[in-house]
Amino acid sequence: MTIHHTQIMINAATFALRGLMGYPQFAPTAHTIAFCSGGERDVEGANWICQMVQESGNDVVHVNFGADSLEPISVSLALRQTLYVDWHLRVQLYAASEEASIELLTSQHRWAVGSRHVLIAKPLPSRSKIKAGVERAARRWRETTLSTAEGPLPTAHLLPVGSSFANAMPDQGDATIVRMFA
């Protein structure tokens, strides 16, 4: 396994999730959600991502990878609120059907990409549907990641841990994936 192959798989997983959630594969006029990848975040890392949310005005979907893993180990979510940023360390991916966009389940809401490319809160699905929806989403994400890795991928911008989002990415409007590593 080469470093290049690892980077391809990390970018493919992040870009695949973006598409499966129904977010455009290009940077829309109102770029409202940043899709990022990197190591699993501790408290300091979560604070840094929350700072990035405040600076950029974007919610963040963060795909977490282990040190020796080509497959994601979890997904985190940082959401803009009126007075703070709401951090969800581990969310579950959920697909209501084979054709449905993937949504993110927190303890209180189901988050979906709305028609204006903004994350919107919906009620959680019934408990009886969650297991099948989570399994369906995981399978679809895995399959899409593998097929995405075969084609050309957009360039990922590297954002060193602790750096300012604005300073590190002056062309943020064109970003499709942000990779955040130590």
N, C-alpha and C. Protein backbone atom coordinates (compact mmCIF):
# COMPACT_ATOMS: atom_id res chain seq x y z
N MET A 1 0.83 -1.17 0.00
CA MET A 1 0.00 0.00 0.00
C MET A 1 0.88 1.24 0.00
N THR A 2 0.71 2.11 -0.97
CA THR A 2 1.53 3.32 -1.05
C THR A 2 0.80 4.50 -0.43
N ILE A 3 1.55 5.54 -0.14
CA ILE A 3 0.94 6.76 0.38
C ILE A 3 -0.03 7.33 -0.65
N HIS A 4 0.35 7.27 -1.92
CA HIS A 4 -0.52 7.78 -2.98
C HIS A 4 -1.84 7.03 -3.00
N HIS A 5 -1.80 5.69 -2.89
CA HIS A 5 -3.03 4.90 -2.88
C HIS A 5 -3.89 5.26 -1.67
N THR A 6 -3.26 5.46 -0.53
CA THR A 6 -3.98 5.84 0.69
C THR A 6 -4.68 7.18 0.48
N GLN A 7 -3.99 8.16 -0.10
CA GLN A 7 -4.59 9.46 -0.36
C GLN A 7 -5.77 9.34 -1.32
N ILE A 8 -5.63 8.50 -2.33
CA ILE A 8 -6.73 8.30 -3.28
C ILE A 8 -7.95 7.74 -2.56
N MET A 9 -7.76 6.73 -1.72
CA MET A 9 -8.89 6.11 -1.03
C MET A 9 -9.54 7.08 -0.04
N ILE A 10 -8.74 7.88 0.66
CA ILE A 10 -9.30 8.87 1.59
C ILE A 10 -10.11 9.91 0.82
N ASN A 11 -9.55 10.43 -0.26
CA ASN A 11 -10.29 11.41 -1.07
C ASN A 11 -11.53 10.80 -1.69
N ALA A 12 -11.42 9.56 -2.17
CA ALA A 12 -12.57 8.89 -2.79
C ALA A 12 -13.70 8.70 -1.78
N ALA A 13 -13.38 8.29 -0.56
CA ALA A 13 -14.42 8.09 0.45
C ALA A 13 -15.12 9.41 0.78
N THR A 14 -14.35 10.47 0.90
CA THR A 14 -14.92 11.77 1.24
C THR A 14 -15.77 12.31 0.10
N PHE A 15 -15.25 12.22 -1.12
CA PHE A 15 -15.99 12.71 -2.29
C PHE A 15 -17.23 11.85 -2.55
N ALA A 16 -17.13 10.54 -2.33
CA ALA A 16 -18.28 9.65 -2.51
C ALA A 16 -19.40 10.01 -1.54
N LEU A 17 -19.04 10.26 -0.28
CA LEU A 17 -20.06 10.63 0.71
C LEU A 17 -20.74 11.93 0.32
N ARG A 18 -19.96 12.88 -0.14
CA ARG A 18 -20.52 14.16 -0.59
C ARG A 18 -21.60 13.94 -1.65
N GLY A 19 -21.29 13.13 -2.65
CA GLY A 19 -22.26 12.86 -3.71
C GLY A 19 -23.47 12.08 -3.22
N LEU A 20 -23.23 11.08 -2.39
CA LEU A 20 -24.34 10.26 -1.87
C LEU A 20 -25.29 11.07 -0.99
N MET A 21 -24.77 12.11 -0.37
CA MET A 21 -25.63 12.97 0.45
C MET A 21 -26.42 13.97 -0.40
N GLY A 22 -26.11 14.06 -1.69
CA GLY A 22 -26.84 14.96 -2.56
C GLY A 22 -26.25 16.35 -2.66
N TYR A 23 -25.01 16.52 -2.17
CA TYR A 23 -24.35 17.82 -2.29
C TYR A 23 -23.65 17.85 -3.65
N PRO A 24 -23.66 18.98 -4.35
CA PRO A 24 -23.05 19.03 -5.69
C PRO A 24 -21.57 18.65 -5.66
N GLN A 25 -21.12 18.04 -6.74
CA GLN A 25 -19.72 17.65 -6.85
C GLN A 25 -18.84 18.84 -7.24
N PHE A 26 -19.45 20.00 -7.40
CA PHE A 26 -18.73 21.24 -7.66
C PHE A 26 -19.03 22.18 -6.49
N ALA A 27 -18.36 23.31 -6.42
CA ALA A 27 -18.62 24.27 -5.35
C ALA A 27 -19.78 25.17 -5.77
N PRO A 28 -20.95 25.02 -5.15
CA PRO A 28 -22.08 25.86 -5.53
C PRO A 28 -21.87 27.31 -5.11
N THR A 29 -22.70 28.19 -5.63
CA THR A 29 -22.59 29.62 -5.32
C THR A 29 -22.59 29.87 -3.83
N ALA A 30 -23.51 29.26 -3.14
CA ALA A 30 -23.56 29.37 -1.68
C ALA A 30 -23.00 28.06 -1.11
N HIS A 31 -21.69 28.04 -0.95
CA HIS A 31 -20.99 26.83 -0.48
C HIS A 31 -21.22 26.72 1.02
N THR A 32 -22.13 25.84 1.45
CA THR A 32 -22.56 25.83 2.85
C THR A 32 -22.03 24.67 3.67
N ILE A 33 -21.50 23.64 3.02
CA ILE A 33 -21.03 22.45 3.74
C ILE A 33 -19.61 22.13 3.26
N ALA A 34 -18.68 22.02 4.18
CA ALA A 34 -17.32 21.60 3.86
C ALA A 34 -17.21 20.12 4.17
N PHE A 35 -16.75 19.35 3.21
CA PHE A 35 -16.51 17.92 3.41
C PHE A 35 -15.02 17.73 3.62
N CYS A 36 -14.65 17.21 4.77
CA CYS A 36 -13.25 17.12 5.17
C CYS A 36 -12.91 15.70 5.58
N SER A 37 -11.63 15.40 5.60
CA SER A 37 -11.18 14.09 6.06
C SER A 37 -9.88 14.25 6.83
N GLY A 38 -9.61 13.29 7.67
CA GLY A 38 -8.39 13.30 8.46
C GLY A 38 -8.49 12.29 9.58
N GLY A 39 -7.59 12.40 10.53
CA GLY A 39 -7.62 11.51 11.68
C GLY A 39 -8.79 11.81 12.58
N GLU A 40 -9.13 10.84 13.43
CA GLU A 40 -10.21 11.06 14.39
C GLU A 40 -9.80 12.18 15.33
N ARG A 41 -10.71 13.05 15.65
CA ARG A 41 -10.40 14.27 16.40
C ARG A 41 -10.60 14.09 17.90
N ASP A 42 -9.59 14.53 18.65
CA ASP A 42 -9.72 14.62 20.11
C ASP A 42 -10.37 15.97 20.41
N VAL A 43 -10.41 16.36 21.68
CA VAL A 43 -11.05 17.62 22.06
C VAL A 43 -10.39 18.81 21.37
N GLU A 44 -9.06 18.82 21.35
CA GLU A 44 -8.35 19.92 20.70
C GLU A 44 -8.67 19.98 19.20
N GLY A 45 -8.69 18.82 18.55
CA GLY A 45 -9.01 18.76 17.13
C GLY A 45 -10.45 19.18 16.85
N ALA A 46 -11.36 18.78 17.72
CA ALA A 46 -12.76 19.18 17.57
C ALA A 46 -12.90 20.69 17.72
N ASN A 47 -12.19 21.27 18.68
CA ASN A 47 -12.22 22.73 18.85
C ASN A 47 -11.70 23.43 17.61
N TRP A 48 -10.65 22.88 17.00
CA TRP A 48 -10.10 23.47 15.79
C TRP A 48 -11.12 23.43 14.65
N ILE A 49 -11.81 22.30 14.50
CA ILE A 49 -12.83 22.20 13.45
C ILE A 49 -13.96 23.19 13.73
N CYS A 50 -14.36 23.31 14.99
CA CYS A 50 -15.41 24.27 15.33
C CYS A 50 -14.98 25.70 15.03
N GLN A 51 -13.70 26.00 15.24
CA GLN A 51 -13.17 27.31 14.88
C GLN A 51 -13.24 27.50 13.36
N MET A 52 -12.94 26.45 12.61
CA MET A 52 -13.02 26.51 11.16
C MET A 52 -14.45 26.79 10.72
N VAL A 53 -15.42 26.18 11.39
CA VAL A 53 -16.84 26.42 11.08
C VAL A 53 -17.17 27.90 11.29
N GLN A 54 -16.71 28.45 12.40
CA GLN A 54 -16.97 29.87 12.68
C GLN A 54 -16.33 30.77 11.63
N GLU A 55 -15.10 30.47 11.24
CA GLU A 55 -14.38 31.30 10.26
C GLU A 55 -15.01 31.22 8.87
N SER A 56 -15.38 30.02 8.47
CA SER A 56 -15.83 29.81 7.09
C SER A 56 -17.32 30.03 6.91
N GLY A 57 -18.10 29.87 7.97
CA GLY A 57 -19.55 29.94 7.84
C GLY A 57 -20.14 28.67 7.25
N ASN A 58 -19.34 27.60 7.16
CA ASN A 58 -19.81 26.32 6.62
C ASN A 58 -20.00 25.32 7.74
N ASP A 59 -21.02 24.48 7.61
CA ASP A 59 -21.08 23.29 8.44
C ASP A 59 -19.99 22.36 7.93
N VAL A 60 -19.55 21.41 8.77
CA VAL A 60 -18.47 20.50 8.37
C VAL A 60 -18.90 19.06 8.58
N VAL A 61 -18.75 18.26 7.52
CA VAL A 61 -18.87 16.80 7.60
C VAL A 61 -17.43 16.29 7.54
N HIS A 62 -16.98 15.67 8.63
CA HIS A 62 -15.59 15.23 8.73
C HIS A 62 -15.53 13.71 8.72
N VAL A 63 -14.87 13.14 7.72
CA VAL A 63 -14.69 11.69 7.61
C VAL A 63 -13.40 11.34 8.35
N ASN A 64 -13.52 10.48 9.36
CA ASN A 64 -12.41 10.13 10.24
C ASN A 64 -11.75 8.82 9.80
N PHE A 65 -10.43 8.84 9.72
CA PHE A 65 -9.66 7.66 9.35
C PHE A 65 -8.68 7.33 10.47
N GLY A 66 -8.45 6.03 10.68
CA GLY A 66 -7.43 5.59 11.63
C GLY A 66 -6.06 5.73 11.00
N ALA A 67 -5.03 5.62 11.81
CA ALA A 67 -3.66 5.80 11.33
C ALA A 67 -3.29 4.80 10.24
N ASP A 68 -3.77 3.58 10.32
CA ASP A 68 -3.41 2.54 9.35
C ASP A 68 -4.62 2.04 8.58
N SER A 69 -5.61 2.88 8.38
CA SER A 69 -6.86 2.42 7.79
C SER A 69 -7.13 3.08 6.45
N LEU A 70 -7.54 2.28 5.47
CA LEU A 70 -7.99 2.82 4.19
C LEU A 70 -9.48 3.08 4.19
N GLU A 71 -10.17 2.51 5.17
CA GLU A 71 -11.62 2.70 5.27
C GLU A 71 -11.91 3.66 6.41
N PRO A 72 -12.93 4.49 6.25
CA PRO A 72 -13.28 5.41 7.33
C PRO A 72 -13.67 4.65 8.59
N ILE A 73 -13.33 5.22 9.74
CA ILE A 73 -13.72 4.59 11.01
C ILE A 73 -14.96 5.26 11.59
N SER A 74 -15.23 6.49 11.19
CA SER A 74 -16.44 7.18 11.65
C SER A 74 -16.60 8.48 10.88
N VAL A 75 -17.72 9.14 11.12
CA VAL A 75 -17.99 10.46 10.53
C VAL A 75 -18.41 11.38 11.67
N SER A 76 -17.88 12.60 11.66
CA SER A 76 -18.25 13.62 12.65
C SER A 76 -18.96 14.76 11.94
N LEU A 77 -19.68 15.55 12.72
CA LEU A 77 -20.47 16.64 12.15
C LEU A 77 -20.34 17.87 13.05
N ALA A 78 -20.04 19.02 12.44
CA ALA A 78 -20.01 20.30 13.16
C ALA A 78 -21.03 21.22 12.50
N LEU A 79 -21.99 21.68 13.29
CA LEU A 79 -23.11 22.47 12.78
C LEU A 79 -23.11 23.87 13.37
N ARG A 80 -23.32 24.85 12.51
CA ARG A 80 -23.44 26.24 12.96
C ARG A 80 -24.76 26.41 13.72
N GLN A 81 -24.69 27.02 14.87
CA GLN A 81 -25.87 27.41 15.62
C GLN A 81 -25.79 28.92 15.84
N THR A 82 -26.80 29.50 16.43
CA THR A 82 -26.82 30.95 16.61
C THR A 82 -25.65 31.46 17.45
N LEU A 83 -25.37 30.78 18.57
CA LEU A 83 -24.34 31.27 19.49
C LEU A 83 -23.15 30.33 19.66
N TYR A 84 -23.16 29.20 19.00
CA TYR A 84 -22.10 28.21 19.19
C TYR A 84 -22.06 27.26 18.00
N VAL A 85 -21.07 26.39 18.02
CA VAL A 85 -20.98 25.32 17.02
C VAL A 85 -21.28 24.01 17.73
N ASP A 86 -22.20 23.25 17.19
CA ASP A 86 -22.63 21.98 17.77
C ASP A 86 -21.77 20.86 17.18
N TRP A 87 -21.00 20.16 18.00
CA TRP A 87 -20.08 19.10 17.56
C TRP A 87 -20.67 17.73 17.87
N HIS A 88 -20.75 16.88 16.85
CA HIS A 88 -21.20 15.50 17.01
C HIS A 88 -20.03 14.60 16.63
N LEU A 89 -19.44 13.95 17.62
CA LEU A 89 -18.24 13.15 17.41
C LEU A 89 -18.45 12.00 16.42
N ARG A 90 -19.52 11.25 16.60
CA ARG A 90 -19.81 10.12 15.71
C ARG A 90 -21.28 10.14 15.33
N VAL A 91 -21.52 10.31 14.06
CA VAL A 91 -22.89 10.23 13.55
C VAL A 91 -23.03 8.93 12.77
N GLN A 92 -24.26 8.49 12.58
CA GLN A 92 -24.51 7.30 11.78
C GLN A 92 -24.98 7.73 10.40
N LEU A 93 -24.50 7.04 9.37
CA LEU A 93 -25.01 7.27 8.03
C LEU A 93 -26.29 6.47 7.88
N TYR A 94 -27.28 7.04 7.19
CA TYR A 94 -28.59 6.39 7.06
C TYR A 94 -29.13 6.63 5.66
N ALA A 95 -29.67 5.59 5.05
CA ALA A 95 -30.35 5.71 3.76
C ALA A 95 -31.71 5.04 3.88
N ALA A 96 -32.77 5.80 3.67
CA ALA A 96 -34.13 5.29 3.81
C ALA A 96 -34.46 4.24 2.75
N SER A 97 -33.81 4.32 1.59
CA SER A 97 -34.04 3.36 0.51
C SER A 97 -32.77 3.30 -0.35
N GLU A 98 -32.80 2.44 -1.35
CA GLU A 98 -31.65 2.33 -2.26
C GLU A 98 -31.44 3.61 -3.07
N GLU A 99 -32.51 4.35 -3.32
CA GLU A 99 -32.42 5.56 -4.13
C GLU A 99 -32.26 6.83 -3.30
N ALA A 100 -32.53 6.76 -2.01
CA ALA A 100 -32.53 7.95 -1.16
C ALA A 100 -31.11 8.46 -0.92
N SER A 101 -31.01 9.76 -0.76
CA SER A 101 -29.72 10.35 -0.38
C SER A 101 -29.35 9.87 1.02
N ILE A 102 -28.06 9.78 1.26
CA ILE A 102 -27.59 9.41 2.60
C ILE A 102 -27.77 10.62 3.52
N GLU A 103 -28.23 10.33 4.73
CA GLU A 103 -28.45 11.35 5.75
C GLU A 103 -27.60 11.00 6.96
N LEU A 104 -27.43 11.97 7.85
CA LEU A 104 -26.61 11.78 9.04
C LEU A 104 -27.51 11.78 10.27
N LEU A 105 -27.39 10.72 11.08
CA LEU A 105 -28.20 10.61 12.29
C LEU A 105 -27.39 11.02 13.50
N THR A 106 -27.92 11.98 14.26
CA THR A 106 -27.37 12.34 15.57
C THR A 106 -28.36 11.80 16.60
N SER A 107 -28.13 12.08 17.85
CA SER A 107 -29.03 11.57 18.89
C SER A 107 -30.41 12.21 18.82
N GLN A 108 -30.52 13.39 18.20
CA GLN A 108 -31.80 14.09 18.19
C GLN A 108 -32.40 14.33 16.81
N HIS A 109 -31.58 14.31 15.76
CA HIS A 109 -32.08 14.66 14.43
C HIS A 109 -31.49 13.77 13.34
N ARG A 110 -32.15 13.84 12.21
CA ARG A 110 -31.64 13.27 10.96
C ARG A 110 -31.31 14.48 10.09
N TRP A 111 -30.04 14.60 9.69
CA TRP A 111 -29.59 15.75 8.91
C TRP A 111 -29.47 15.37 7.45
N ALA A 112 -30.11 16.17 6.59
CA ALA A 112 -30.12 15.91 5.16
C ALA A 112 -29.73 17.18 4.41
N VAL A 113 -29.17 17.01 3.22
CA VAL A 113 -28.87 18.16 2.36
C VAL A 113 -30.18 18.57 1.70
N GLY A 114 -30.60 19.81 1.94
CA GLY A 114 -31.85 20.31 1.38
C GLY A 114 -31.68 20.83 -0.04
N SER A 115 -32.77 21.33 -0.59
CA SER A 115 -32.78 21.77 -1.99
C SER A 115 -31.85 22.96 -2.25
N ARG A 116 -31.52 23.73 -1.22
CA ARG A 116 -30.60 24.86 -1.39
C ARG A 116 -29.21 24.53 -0.90
N HIS A 117 -28.90 23.24 -0.78
CA HIS A 117 -27.58 22.74 -0.39
C HIS A 117 -27.20 23.15 1.03
N VAL A 118 -28.18 23.17 1.90
CA VAL A 118 -27.98 23.47 3.32
C VAL A 118 -28.41 22.24 4.10
N LEU A 119 -27.69 21.92 5.18
CA LEU A 119 -28.12 20.81 6.03
C LEU A 119 -29.39 21.21 6.76
N ILE A 120 -30.40 20.36 6.66
CA ILE A 120 -31.67 20.61 7.35
C ILE A 120 -31.95 19.47 8.31
N ALA A 121 -32.55 19.82 9.44
CA ALA A 121 -32.89 18.82 10.46
C ALA A 121 -34.26 18.24 10.16
N LYS A 122 -34.35 16.92 10.30
CA LYS A 122 -35.61 16.20 10.15
C LYS A 122 -35.77 15.31 11.37
N PRO A 123 -36.98 14.84 11.61
CA PRO A 123 -37.16 13.89 12.72
C PRO A 123 -36.39 12.60 12.44
N LEU A 124 -35.95 11.95 13.49
CA LEU A 124 -35.27 10.66 13.35
C LEU A 124 -36.23 9.63 12.77
N PRO A 125 -35.73 8.67 12.00
CA PRO A 125 -36.60 7.58 11.54
C PRO A 125 -37.00 6.71 12.73
N SER A 126 -38.02 5.90 12.55
CA SER A 126 -38.43 5.01 13.64
C SER A 126 -37.31 4.02 13.93
N ARG A 127 -37.21 3.62 15.19
CA ARG A 127 -36.15 2.70 15.61
C ARG A 127 -36.11 1.43 14.76
N SER A 128 -37.26 0.97 14.33
CA SER A 128 -37.33 -0.27 13.57
C SER A 128 -36.68 -0.14 12.19
N LYS A 129 -36.50 1.07 11.70
CA LYS A 129 -35.92 1.28 10.37
C LYS A 129 -34.44 1.63 10.40
N ILE A 130 -33.93 1.98 11.56
CA ILE A 130 -32.55 2.50 11.64
C ILE A 130 -31.52 1.45 11.25
N LYS A 131 -31.60 0.25 11.78
CA LYS A 131 -30.57 -0.76 11.50
C LYS A 131 -30.43 -1.03 10.00
N ALA A 132 -31.54 -1.27 9.32
CA ALA A 132 -31.48 -1.54 7.88
C ALA A 132 -30.98 -0.32 7.12
N GLY A 133 -31.40 0.88 7.53
CA GLY A 133 -30.96 2.10 6.86
C GLY A 133 -29.48 2.38 7.03
N VAL A 134 -28.95 2.06 8.21
CA VAL A 134 -27.51 2.23 8.48
C VAL A 134 -26.70 1.24 7.65
N GLU A 135 -27.15 -0.01 7.61
CA GLU A 135 -26.45 -1.03 6.81
C GLU A 135 -26.49 -0.68 5.33
N ARG A 136 -27.62 -0.22 4.86
CA ARG A 136 -27.77 0.16 3.45
C ARG A 136 -26.83 1.31 3.11
N ALA A 137 -26.78 2.31 3.97
CA ALA A 137 -25.91 3.46 3.72
C ALA A 137 -24.44 3.06 3.71
N ALA A 138 -24.04 2.20 4.65
CA ALA A 138 -22.63 1.75 4.71
C ALA A 138 -22.25 0.99 3.44
N ARG A 139 -23.12 0.12 2.98
CA ARG A 139 -22.84 -0.65 1.77
C ARG A 139 -22.74 0.27 0.56
N ARG A 140 -23.69 1.18 0.41
CA ARG A 140 -23.67 2.09 -0.73
C ARG A 140 -22.43 2.98 -0.71
N TRP A 141 -22.04 3.44 0.48
CA TRP A 141 -20.85 4.29 0.59
C TRP A 141 -19.60 3.51 0.21
N ARG A 142 -19.49 2.29 0.70
CA ARG A 142 -18.32 1.45 0.39
C ARG A 142 -18.24 1.20 -1.13
N GLU A 143 -19.37 0.83 -1.74
CA GLU A 143 -19.39 0.56 -3.19
C GLU A 143 -19.05 1.82 -4.00
N THR A 144 -19.62 2.94 -3.63
CA THR A 144 -19.38 4.19 -4.35
C THR A 144 -17.94 4.65 -4.17
N THR A 145 -17.38 4.45 -2.99
CA THR A 145 -15.98 4.81 -2.75
C THR A 145 -15.06 4.04 -3.70
N LEU A 146 -15.29 2.74 -3.83
CA LEU A 146 -14.44 1.93 -4.71
C LEU A 146 -14.55 2.37 -6.16
N SER A 147 -15.75 2.67 -6.63
CA SER A 147 -15.89 3.12 -8.02
C SER A 147 -15.35 4.54 -8.21
N THR A 148 -15.50 5.39 -7.20
CA THR A 148 -14.98 6.75 -7.27
C THR A 148 -13.46 6.75 -7.34
N ALA A 149 -12.83 5.83 -6.63
CA ALA A 149 -11.36 5.76 -6.60
C ALA A 149 -10.77 5.42 -7.96
N GLU A 150 -11.56 4.82 -8.85
CA GLU A 150 -11.08 4.43 -10.17
C GLU A 150 -11.01 5.60 -11.15
N GLY A 151 -11.77 6.64 -10.89
CA GLY A 151 -11.82 7.76 -11.83
C GLY A 151 -11.00 8.94 -11.36
N PRO A 152 -10.99 10.00 -12.13
CA PRO A 152 -10.27 11.19 -11.68
C PRO A 152 -10.98 11.81 -10.48
N LEU A 153 -10.19 12.24 -9.52
CA LEU A 153 -10.72 12.86 -8.31
C LEU A 153 -10.34 14.34 -8.28
N PRO A 154 -11.17 15.16 -7.63
CA PRO A 154 -10.79 16.57 -7.50
C PRO A 154 -9.59 16.70 -6.58
N THR A 155 -8.91 17.80 -6.70
CA THR A 155 -7.77 18.06 -5.84
C THR A 155 -8.26 18.32 -4.43
N ALA A 156 -7.58 17.72 -3.47
CA ALA A 156 -7.89 17.98 -2.06
C ALA A 156 -6.90 19.01 -1.54
N HIS A 157 -7.39 19.94 -0.78
CA HIS A 157 -6.54 20.97 -0.20
C HIS A 157 -6.10 20.52 1.18
N LEU A 158 -4.81 20.59 1.46
CA LEU A 158 -4.29 20.19 2.76
C LEU A 158 -4.34 21.37 3.72
N LEU A 159 -4.95 21.15 4.87
CA LEU A 159 -5.05 22.18 5.89
C LEU A 159 -4.35 21.68 7.14
N PRO A 160 -3.14 22.18 7.44
CA PRO A 160 -2.41 21.71 8.62
C PRO A 160 -3.19 21.98 9.91
N VAL A 161 -3.09 21.06 10.84
CA VAL A 161 -3.80 21.18 12.11
C VAL A 161 -3.47 22.51 12.78
N GLY A 162 -4.50 23.20 13.24
CA GLY A 162 -4.33 24.45 13.95
C GLY A 162 -4.26 25.68 13.07
N SER A 163 -4.15 25.50 11.77
CA SER A 163 -4.04 26.66 10.89
C SER A 163 -5.41 27.29 10.67
N SER A 164 -5.39 28.52 10.21
CA SER A 164 -6.61 29.25 9.93
C SER A 164 -7.17 28.81 8.58
N PHE A 165 -8.45 28.56 8.54
CA PHE A 165 -9.11 28.15 7.31
C PHE A 165 -8.97 29.24 6.25
N ALA A 166 -9.18 30.48 6.63
CA ALA A 166 -9.12 31.59 5.67
C ALA A 166 -7.72 31.77 5.10
N ASN A 167 -6.69 31.67 5.94
CA ASN A 167 -5.32 31.86 5.47
C ASN A 167 -4.83 30.68 4.64
N ALA A 168 -5.23 29.49 5.01
CA ALA A 168 -4.75 28.30 4.32
C ALA A 168 -5.46 28.07 3.00
N MET A 169 -6.67 28.58 2.86
CA MET A 169 -7.46 28.30 1.67
C MET A 169 -8.10 29.57 1.11
N PRO A 170 -7.32 30.44 0.49
CA PRO A 170 -7.92 31.65 -0.05
C PRO A 170 -8.93 31.35 -1.15
N ASP A 171 -8.79 30.20 -1.82
CA ASP A 171 -9.72 29.82 -2.89
C ASP A 171 -10.76 28.84 -2.37
N GLN A 172 -11.18 28.99 -1.13
CA GLN A 172 -12.09 28.06 -0.48
C GLN A 172 -13.36 27.83 -1.28
N GLY A 173 -13.81 28.82 -2.01
CA GLY A 173 -15.03 28.67 -2.79
C GLY A 173 -14.92 27.58 -3.84
N ASP A 174 -13.71 27.25 -4.26
CA ASP A 174 -13.51 26.22 -5.27
C ASP A 174 -13.19 24.86 -4.66
N ALA A 175 -13.11 24.78 -3.35
CA ALA A 175 -12.71 23.54 -2.69
C ALA A 175 -13.82 22.50 -2.80
N THR A 176 -13.43 21.29 -3.05
CA THR A 176 -14.39 20.19 -3.02
C THR A 176 -14.15 19.29 -1.83
N ILE A 177 -12.89 19.11 -1.45
CA ILE A 177 -12.53 18.29 -0.30
C ILE A 177 -11.41 19.02 0.44
N VAL A 178 -11.46 18.98 1.75
CA VAL A 178 -10.37 19.51 2.57
C VAL A 178 -9.81 18.36 3.37
N ARG A 179 -8.50 18.12 3.30
CA ARG A 179 -7.87 17.07 4.09
C ARG A 179 -7.15 17.71 5.25
N MET A 180 -7.43 17.24 6.45
CA MET A 180 -6.86 17.84 7.65
C MET A 180 -6.07 16.79 8.41
N PHE A 181 -4.76 16.92 8.38
CA PHE A 181 -3.89 15.98 9.08
C PHE A 181 -2.89 16.74 9.92
N ALA A 182 -2.36 16.05 10.93
CA ALA A 182 -1.34 16.65 11.79
C ALA A 182 -0.04 16.78 11.03
